[in-house]
C-alpha atoms as a PDB file:
ATOM      1  CA  MET A   1       0.049   0.063  -0.020  1.00  0.00           C
ATOM      2  CA  ILE A   2       2.883   2.557   0.975  1.00  0.00           C
ATOM      3  CA  ARG A   3       4.528   1.561  -2.143  1.00  0.00           C
ATOM      4  CA  ALA A   4       1.572   2.280  -4.398  1.00  0.00           C
ATOM      5  CA  LEU A   5       1.201   5.724  -2.572  1.00  0.00           C
ATOM      6  CA  LEU A   6       5.048   6.514  -3.289  1.00  0.00           C
ATOM      7  CA  ILE A   7       4.464   5.611  -6.659  1.00  0.00           C
ATOM      8  CA  GLY A   8       1.273   7.867  -7.060  1.00  0.00           C
ATOM      9  CA  CYS A   9       3.221  10.689  -5.461  1.00  0.00           C
ATOM     10  CA  LEU A  10       6.250  10.539  -7.804  1.00  0.00           C
ATOM     11  CA  LEU A  11       4.040  10.273 -10.649  1.00  0.00           C
ATOM     12  CA  LEU A  12       2.222  13.407  -9.621  1.00  0.00           C
ATOM     13  CA  LEU A  13       5.314  15.067  -9.174  1.00  0.00           C
ATOM     14  CA  SER A  14       6.923  14.426 -12.582  1.00  0.00           C
ATOM     15  CA  ALA A  15       3.571  15.472 -14.093  1.00  0.00           C
ATOM     16  CA  CYS A  16       3.849  18.883 -12.374  1.00  0.00           C
ATOM     17  CA  ALA A  17       7.505  19.237 -13.162  1.00  0.00           C
ATOM     18  CA  SER A  18       6.677  18.859 -16.835  1.00  0.00           C
ATOM     19  CA  GLN A  19       4.352  21.600 -17.221  1.00  0.00           C
ATOM     20  CA  PRO A  20       5.008  24.303 -19.986  1.00  0.00           C
ATOM     21  CA  PRO A  21       6.066  27.578 -18.440  1.00  0.00           C
ATOM     22  CA  LEU A  22       3.631  30.058 -17.927  1.00  0.00           C
ATOM     23  CA  PRO A  23       4.008  33.944 -17.088  1.00  0.00           C
ATOM     24  CA  ALA A  24       2.966  35.131 -13.462  1.00  0.00           C
ATOM     25  CA  THR A  25       0.433  37.453 -15.105  1.00  0.00           C
ATOM     26  CA  THR A  26      -1.387  37.001 -18.152  1.00  0.00           C
ATOM     27  CA  PRO A  27      -0.148  39.150 -21.079  1.00  0.00           C
ATOM     28  CA  ARG A  28      -2.702  41.754 -22.868  1.00  0.00           C
ATOM     29  CA  LEU A  29      -3.672  40.098 -26.202  1.00  0.00           C
ATOM     30  CA  PRO A  30      -5.971  41.115 -28.766  1.00  0.00           C
ATOM     31  CA  LEU A  31      -8.992  38.767 -27.908  1.00  0.00           C
ATOM     32  CA  PRO A  32     -10.942  37.109 -29.156  1.00  0.00           C
ATOM     33  CA  LEU A  33      -8.615  35.303 -31.581  1.00  0.00           C
ATOM     34  CA  GLN A  34      -9.216  32.939 -34.447  1.00  0.00           C
ATOM     35  CA  LEU A  35      -6.047  31.133 -35.444  1.00  0.00           C
ATOM     36  CA  HIS A  36      -5.465  28.274 -37.877  1.00  0.00           C
ATOM     37  CA  VAL A  37      -3.235  25.758 -36.731  1.00  0.00           C
ATOM     38  CA  GLN A  38      -1.299  23.763 -38.907  1.00  0.00           C
ATOM     39  CA  ARG A  39       0.783  20.710 -37.212  1.00  0.00           C
ATOM     40  CA  LEU A  40       3.859  19.542 -38.876  1.00  0.00           C
ATOM     41  CA  ALA A  41       5.280  16.273 -37.821  1.00  0.00           C
ATOM     42  CA  ASP A  42       6.979  13.208 -39.545  1.00  0.00           C
ATOM     43  CA  GLY A  43       5.989  14.730 -43.158  1.00  0.00           C
ATOM     44  CA  GLN A  44       2.218  14.761 -41.927  1.00  0.00           C
ATOM     45  CA  THR A  45       0.358  17.762 -41.181  1.00  0.00           C
ATOM     46  CA  GLN A  46      -3.178  18.334 -39.304  1.00  0.00           C
ATOM     47  CA  ASP A  47      -5.200  21.342 -39.455  1.00  0.00           C
ATOM     48  CA  TRP A  48      -6.956  22.944 -36.516  1.00  0.00           C
ATOM     49  CA  LEU A  49      -9.019  26.045 -35.571  1.00  0.00           C
ATOM     50  CA  LEU A  50      -8.301  27.685 -32.371  1.00  0.00           C
ATOM     51  CA  VAL A  51     -10.297  30.198 -30.606  1.00  0.00           C
ATOM     52  CA  VAL A  52      -8.981  32.329 -27.538  1.00  0.00           C
ATOM     53  CA  GLN A  53     -11.324  34.259 -25.859  1.00  0.00           C
ATOM     54  CA  ARG A  54     -11.697  35.901 -22.250  1.00  0.00           C
ATOM     55  CA  GLU A  55     -14.160  34.526 -20.030  1.00  0.00           C
ATOM     56  CA  GLY A  56     -14.233  36.667 -16.843  1.00  0.00           C
ATOM     57  CA  ALA A  57     -10.780  36.621 -15.507  1.00  0.00           C
ATOM     58  CA  ALA A  58      -9.766  33.483 -17.453  1.00  0.00           C
ATOM     59  CA  LEU A  59      -8.548  32.754 -20.862  1.00  0.00           C
ATOM     60  CA  ARG A  60     -10.362  30.280 -22.781  1.00  0.00           C
ATOM     61  CA  TRP A  61      -8.517  28.030 -25.523  1.00  0.00           C
ATOM     62  CA  SER A  62     -10.817  25.810 -27.705  1.00  0.00           C
ATOM     63  CA  MET A  63      -9.443  23.833 -30.582  1.00  0.00           C
ATOM     64  CA  MET A  64     -11.280  22.082 -33.263  1.00  0.00           C
ATOM     65  CA  ASP A  65     -10.721  19.823 -36.216  1.00  0.00           C
ATOM     66  CA  PRO A  66     -11.902  21.102 -39.442  1.00  0.00           C
ATOM     67  CA  LEU A  67     -15.149  19.350 -38.974  1.00  0.00           C
ATOM     68  CA  GLY A  68     -15.738  21.327 -35.857  1.00  0.00           C
ATOM     69  CA  ILE A  69     -14.836  18.187 -33.470  1.00  0.00           C
ATOM     70  CA  PRO A  70     -13.191  19.650 -30.123  1.00  0.00           C
ATOM     71  CA  GLN A  71      -9.684  18.337 -29.707  1.00  0.00           C
ATOM     72  CA  ALA A  72      -8.949  20.273 -26.714  1.00  0.00           C
ATOM     73  CA  ARG A  73     -10.322  22.937 -24.352  1.00  0.00           C
ATOM     74  CA  GLN A  74      -8.627  24.770 -21.671  1.00  0.00           C
ATOM     75  CA  LYS A  75      -9.187  27.519 -19.114  1.00  0.00           C
ATOM     76  CA  LEU A  76      -6.133  29.405 -18.008  1.00  0.00           C
ATOM     77  CA  VAL A  77      -7.144  30.875 -14.709  1.00  0.00           C
ATOM     78  CA  ASP A  78      -4.319  32.679 -12.321  1.00  0.00           C
ATOM     79  CA  GLY A  79      -1.712  30.909 -13.941  1.00  0.00           C
ATOM     80  CA  GLN A  80      -3.062  27.512 -13.978  1.00  0.00           C
ATOM     81  CA  TRP A  81      -4.614  25.396 -16.709  1.00  0.00           C
ATOM     82  CA  GLN A  82      -8.030  23.857 -15.830  1.00  0.00           C
ATOM     83  CA  ALA A  83      -9.865  21.435 -18.006  1.00  0.00           C
ATOM     84  CA  ASP A  84     -12.971  23.003 -19.523  1.00  0.00           C
ATOM     85  CA  GLY A  85     -15.535  20.442 -20.536  1.00  0.00           C
ATOM     86  CA  LEU A  86     -15.304  16.635 -20.759  1.00  0.00           C
ATOM     87  CA  LEU A  87     -12.458  16.188 -23.165  1.00  0.00           C
ATOM     88  CA  PRO A  88      -9.659  13.971 -21.825  1.00  0.00           C
ATOM     89  CA  PRO A  89      -6.356  15.618 -20.727  1.00  0.00           C
ATOM     90  CA  ASN A  90      -4.317  16.778 -23.813  1.00  0.00           C
ATOM     91  CA  PRO A  91      -0.572  17.755 -22.706  1.00  0.00           C
ATOM     92  CA  GLN A  92       0.409  18.441 -26.158  1.00  0.00           C
ATOM     93  CA  ALA A  93      -2.389  20.860 -26.662  1.00  0.00           C
ATOM     94  CA  ARG A  94      -1.341  22.773 -23.516  1.00  0.00           C
ATOM     95  CA  GLU A  95       2.095  22.886 -24.594  1.00  0.00           C
ATOM     96  CA  LEU A  96       0.861  24.474 -27.621  1.00  0.00           C
ATOM     97  CA  PHE A  97      -1.339  26.933 -25.958  1.00  0.00           C
ATOM     98  CA  ALA A  98       1.517  27.911 -23.506  1.00  0.00           C
ATOM     99  CA  ALA A  99       3.917  28.478 -26.617  1.00  0.00           C
ATOM    100  CA  LEU A 100       1.370  30.406 -28.322  1.00  0.00           C
ATOM    101  CA  LEU A 101       0.972  32.547 -25.151  1.00  0.00           C
ATOM    102  CA  PHE A 102       4.764  33.189 -25.296  1.00  0.00           C
ATOM    103  CA  ALA A 103       4.499  33.989 -28.862  1.00  0.00           C
ATOM    104  CA  LEU A 104       1.457  36.110 -29.011  1.00  0.00           C
ATOM    105  CA  THR A 105       2.727  38.291 -25.923  1.00  0.00           C
ATOM    106  CA  SER A 106       3.930  41.660 -27.122  1.00  0.00           C
ATOM    107  CA  ALA A 107       7.644  42.603 -27.382  1.00  0.00           C
ATOM    108  CA  ASP A 108       6.870  45.316 -24.520  1.00  0.00           C
ATOM    109  CA  GLU A 109       5.813  42.527 -22.061  1.00  0.00           C
ATOM    110  CA  VAL A 110       7.905  39.375 -23.160  1.00  0.00           C
ATOM    111  CA  GLY A 111      11.261  40.414 -21.073  1.00  0.00           C
ATOM    112  CA  ALA A 112       9.178  41.365 -18.034  1.00  0.00           C
ATOM    113  CA  LEU A 113       6.664  37.924 -18.219  1.00  0.00           C
ATOM    114  CA  TYR A 114       9.375  35.780 -19.541  1.00  0.00           C
ATOM    115  CA  PRO A 115      13.078  36.561 -18.201  1.00  0.00           C
ATOM    116  CA  SER A 116      15.063  34.148 -19.802  1.00  0.00           C
ATOM    117  CA  ALA A 117      13.449  34.676 -23.391  1.00  0.00           C
ATOM    118  CA  GLN A 118      15.782  35.582 -26.106  1.00  0.00           C
ATOM    119  CA  ALA A 119      14.749  37.766 -29.102  1.00  0.00           C
ATOM    120  CA  ARG A 120      16.908  38.289 -32.197  1.00  0.00           C
ATOM    121  CA  ASP A 121      15.517  39.551 -35.430  1.00  0.00           C
ATOM    122  CA  LEU A 122      12.372  37.969 -36.404  1.00  0.00           C
ATOM    123  CA  THR A 123      12.847  34.983 -33.646  1.00  0.00           C
ATOM    124  CA  ARG A 124      11.892  34.702 -30.126  1.00  0.00           C
ATOM    125  CA  THR A 125      13.293  31.944 -28.127  1.00  0.00           C
ATOM    126  CA  LEU A 126      12.572  30.383 -24.701  1.00  0.00           C
ATOM    127  CA  PRO A 127      15.541  28.178 -23.961  1.00  0.00           C
ATOM    128  CA  GLY A 128      14.704  24.647 -23.577  1.00  0.00           C
ATOM    129  CA  HIS A 129      10.848  25.054 -24.746  1.00  0.00           C
ATOM    130  CA  TRP A 130      10.045  26.893 -27.758  1.00  0.00           C
ATOM    131  CA  GLN A 131      11.482  28.838 -30.798  1.00  0.00           C
ATOM    132  CA  ILE A 132       9.027  31.127 -32.363  1.00  0.00           C
ATOM    133  CA  VAL A 133       9.941  32.495 -35.904  1.00  0.00           C
ATOM    134  CA  TYR A 134       7.665  35.366 -37.204  1.00  0.00           C
ATOM    135  CA  GLN A 135       6.934  36.015 -40.778  1.00  0.00           C
ATOM    136  CA  SER A 136       4.824  39.062 -39.421  1.00  0.00           C
ATOM    137  CA  SER A 137       3.257  39.646 -36.107  1.00  0.00           C
ATOM    138  CA  GLU A 138       0.239  37.731 -37.216  1.00  0.00           C
ATOM    139  CA  VAL A 139       2.132  34.751 -39.037  1.00  0.00           C
ATOM    140  CA  PHE A 140       4.527  32.754 -37.418  1.00  0.00           C
ATOM    141  CA  SER A 141       5.841  29.079 -36.593  1.00  0.00           C
ATOM    142  CA  VAL A 142       6.249  27.323 -33.328  1.00  0.00           C
ATOM    143  CA  ASN A 143       9.133  24.768 -33.030  1.00  0.00           C
ATOM    144  CA  ILE A 144       9.117  22.872 -30.186  1.00  0.00           C
ATOM    145  CA  ALA A 145      12.458  22.023 -28.364  1.00  0.00           C
ATOM    146  CA  GLY A 146      13.980  18.679 -28.640  1.00  0.00           C
ATOM    147  CA  GLN A 147      11.074  17.177 -30.735  1.00  0.00           C
ATOM    148  CA  PRO A 148      10.633  17.044 -34.680  1.00  0.00           C
ATOM    149  CA  LEU A 149       7.351  18.943 -34.115  1.00  0.00           C
ATOM    150  CA  SER A 150       6.353  22.285 -35.409  1.00  0.00           C
ATOM    151  CA  TYR A 151       3.333  24.492 -35.766  1.00  0.00           C
ATOM    152  CA  ARG A 152       2.479  27.079 -38.432  1.00  0.00           C
ATOM    153  CA  ILE A 153      -0.014  29.583 -37.208  1.00  0.00           C
ATOM    154  CA  THR A 154      -1.955  32.004 -39.366  1.00  0.00           C
ATOM    155  CA  PRO A 155      -5.146  34.344 -38.391  1.00  0.00           C
ATOM    156  CA  LEU A 156      -8.238  32.350 -39.546  1.00  0.00           C
ATOM    157  CA  GLY A 157      -9.136  33.269 -43.121  1.00  0.00           C
ATOM    158  CA  ALA A 158      -5.444  34.389 -44.132  1.00  0.00           C
ATOM    159  CA  ALA A 159      -3.658  33.348 -47.211  1.00  0.00           C
ATOM    160  CA  ARG A 160      -1.136  30.427 -46.288  1.00  0.00           C
END
């Protein structure tokens, strides 16, 4: 019994340690946002629609496939992710949402909210986590550190 409890505690601690970084306060974002997310991995692409909106003190992140089937829903409340609805946990979506929060943070705020962030030309990096490569303020790519995985982000309805 004690062994099972110890293993459970270790699993819980490891889950907490793997949470993507979030700023202490929520940055100012031009909400609501409707984004086209294109996931690129292993020569395969997937397309999703992401809606980010303010709901009281929270930011609600809702991601759907092209048919409108929900893929992930999360609320960012007081610097913590909370499940929104009955969808199973989706750590890859939380990682994406945290990376997008970093990417969408204005240049004026990024230094204060992400002290270890590095910016150069059209690239912003949070070492060990993400690299953001901007084509413009609204069109950019998110590269996940240590993974052959990237996302292309465009405003909904924009030319690819």
